[in-house]
Amino acid sequence: MENEILKYLAEQASGVVIAIFLIICVEAQLDDLTGAIIRLTESLTKEVARDGQDSEKWDRTNLKICAMAT
């Protein structure tokens, strides 16, 4: 009986360790994704600010983005 309890506790503990490891891995990937989104947003913002004076170019770029979205 006592061995069964110890076996059960060991199985549960190993499950918890695996879950924590997976959570840490997913968290790291989400951090990388967040960083990529921030870099893309900054690039887009710089591009819009730089080309904001040229409304014709902005319209063409905006149309391309809209076409890609559909």
Protein backbone atom coordinates (compact mmCIF):
# COMPACT_ATOMS: atom_id res chain seq x y z
CA MET A 1 0.00 0.00 0.00
CA GLU A 2 2.76 2.42 0.95
CA ASN A 3 4.66 1.63 -2.26
CA GLU A 4 1.56 2.42 -4.31
CA ILE A 5 1.25 5.81 -2.65
CA LEU A 6 4.91 6.61 -3.32
CA LYS A 7 4.54 5.47 -6.94
CA TYR A 8 1.45 7.67 -7.35
CA LEU A 9 3.24 10.69 -5.86
CA ALA A 10 6.26 10.14 -8.13
CA GLU A 11 4.01 9.95 -11.21
CA GLN A 12 2.22 13.13 -10.22
CA ALA A 13 5.47 14.95 -9.51
CA SER A 14 6.90 13.96 -12.89
CA GLY A 15 3.74 15.24 -14.57
CA VAL A 16 4.11 18.57 -12.81
CA VAL A 17 7.76 18.85 -13.86
CA ILE A 18 6.86 18.15 -17.49
CA ALA A 19 4.03 20.70 -17.38
CA ILE A 20 6.33 23.38 -15.96
CA PHE A 21 8.94 22.64 -18.64
CA LEU A 22 6.32 22.94 -21.42
CA ILE A 23 4.97 26.19 -19.98
CA ILE A 24 8.48 27.68 -19.91
CA CYS A 25 9.07 26.65 -23.55
CA VAL A 26 5.78 28.14 -24.72
CA GLU A 27 6.46 31.33 -22.76
CA ALA A 28 9.84 31.73 -24.48
CA GLN A 29 8.24 31.28 -27.89
CA LEU A 30 5.57 33.85 -27.05
CA ASP A 31 8.28 36.29 -25.97
CA ASP A 32 9.99 35.80 -29.35
CA LEU A 33 6.69 36.33 -31.17
CA THR A 34 5.99 39.48 -29.18
CA GLY A 35 9.44 40.82 -30.06
CA ALA A 36 8.86 40.14 -33.75
CA ILE A 37 5.49 41.91 -33.66
CA ILE A 38 7.05 44.91 -31.93
CA ARG A 39 9.83 45.11 -34.55
CA LEU A 40 7.32 44.87 -37.41
CA THR A 41 5.13 47.55 -35.85
CA GLU A 42 8.11 49.87 -35.39
CA SER A 43 9.19 49.30 -38.99
CA LEU A 44 5.70 50.01 -40.30
CA THR A 45 5.42 53.13 -38.16
CA LYS A 46 8.77 54.45 -39.43
CA GLU A 47 7.77 53.71 -43.02
CA VAL A 48 4.42 55.48 -42.66
CA ALA A 49 6.03 58.47 -40.95
CA ARG A 50 8.73 58.68 -43.62
CA ASP A 51 6.34 58.32 -46.54
CA GLY A 52 3.53 60.31 -44.96
CA GLN A 53 4.37 63.35 -47.07
CA ASP A 54 3.93 61.42 -50.31
CA SER A 55 0.20 60.64 -50.26
CA GLU A 56 0.25 58.93 -53.68
CA LYS A 57 2.87 56.45 -52.53
CA TRP A 58 0.96 55.91 -49.29
CA ASP A 59 -2.23 55.16 -51.23
CA ARG A 60 -0.43 52.56 -53.38
CA THR A 61 1.09 50.92 -50.31
CA ASN A 62 -2.25 50.94 -48.51
CA LEU A 63 -3.93 49.32 -51.52
CA LYS A 64 -1.28 46.59 -51.61
CA ILE A 65 -1.78 45.87 -47.90
CA CYS A 66 -5.57 45.74 -48.36
CA ALA A 67 -5.19 43.42 -51.36
CA MET A 68 -2.97 41.06 -49.33
CA ALA A 69 -5.52 41.00 -46.50
CA THR A 70 -8.33 39.78 -48.75
